[in-house]
Amino acid sequence: MIAACIPAYNEERAIARVVLDAQKYADKVIVCDDGSDDMTGEIAHSLGATVIRHERNLGKGAALRSLFNASLAMGAKVIVTLDGDGQHDATEIPEVTKPILEGTADISVGSRFSGKNHIPVYRTVGNRLISLLANTGAKDKFVDTTSGFRAYSRFAVETIDPRQDGMGIDSQLLLDARAKKLRIVDTPISVTYGKDTSTYHPVRHFAQITGGMLQYASEEHPLLLVGLPGVVVFGMGIYFGALLLSVYDRTGTFAIGYAFLAVGSVIVGTFTTLVSIVLYAVKSISRRLNGANHKTTV
């Protein structure tokens, strides 16, 4: 069974067309009305879609979690996600799901950057910057990290961990999927922006995505991304402390500025380093527990 999952927030103008087109290619269409204050949910329900309602706007990541859980409960074997604003062409669902149905991929990402789409310059630049950040140090490179038009196998949805609530969810899911060795392919898609269908300011959108990626990376590599900076800051505290003593020894003057810098840096550095150790310990315990659970259930 193919389930088309559509996160939607105040999309009453476009949701009907998205639902009707998706119904032609999916066995089930599920819409998450993420706290809309318009007729989004009512329109989707009247057209036969299963509607999940959030009482308030929780964000795209929260909507996708609800959609994933609902699709798994319905027994879906392939889960397709596409935005409710009409920018994705639901008639391309067969192309996006093809790698999953053929068993050649766990996740098929609809790539907008195939050269056939007219994409605003700021979106192109923003996505390339986000992709550069996501691909840092990675062997397998992502082409379109923020595309919301994707197909997942049931195994992929059961494996990935959607942690972000906001717009950073799409990039975070790809990072998590790559870390868990899932097979990811790019599938060219078309996209329509019109005047601009996004409900987010581009700067806010970019900041939310990059912030989410940095948060995920910090959780995955706490000693490197949290602990190392903590050690550096602690070292700066020692340096300023040495300067404080040197000035006092030479002039007899207590440099209050150096004192504040020394004490502050030592406190922040120590706290940050300890936090990284705790995060690393928690992650290690979590991995062992997950491994034990996997062994007992396989």
Foldseek 3Di string as FASTA:
>chain_A
DEEEEEEDAQQVPQQLVLLVLLVVPGVAYEYEHQCHPDCNQVNNVVVPHHYHYDVHHQAPLVSVVVRLVVCVVVPHFKYWYAYRNPFFRSNCVCQQCVCVVVVNFQKEAAAAPPPPEDDDPLVVVLQVVLQCVLCVPHPDGDRGQQGRTMMGGNVLSVQFDQDDRYSLRSNLRVSRCVVVVGGYYYGYGYTDQVVHRDPDDSVVNSVSNVVVVLVSVCLVQVCVSQLVVLVVLLVQLVVLVVVQVVCCVVPVDRDVVSVCSNVVSNVSSVVSNVVSVVSVVVVVVVVVVVVVVVVVPD
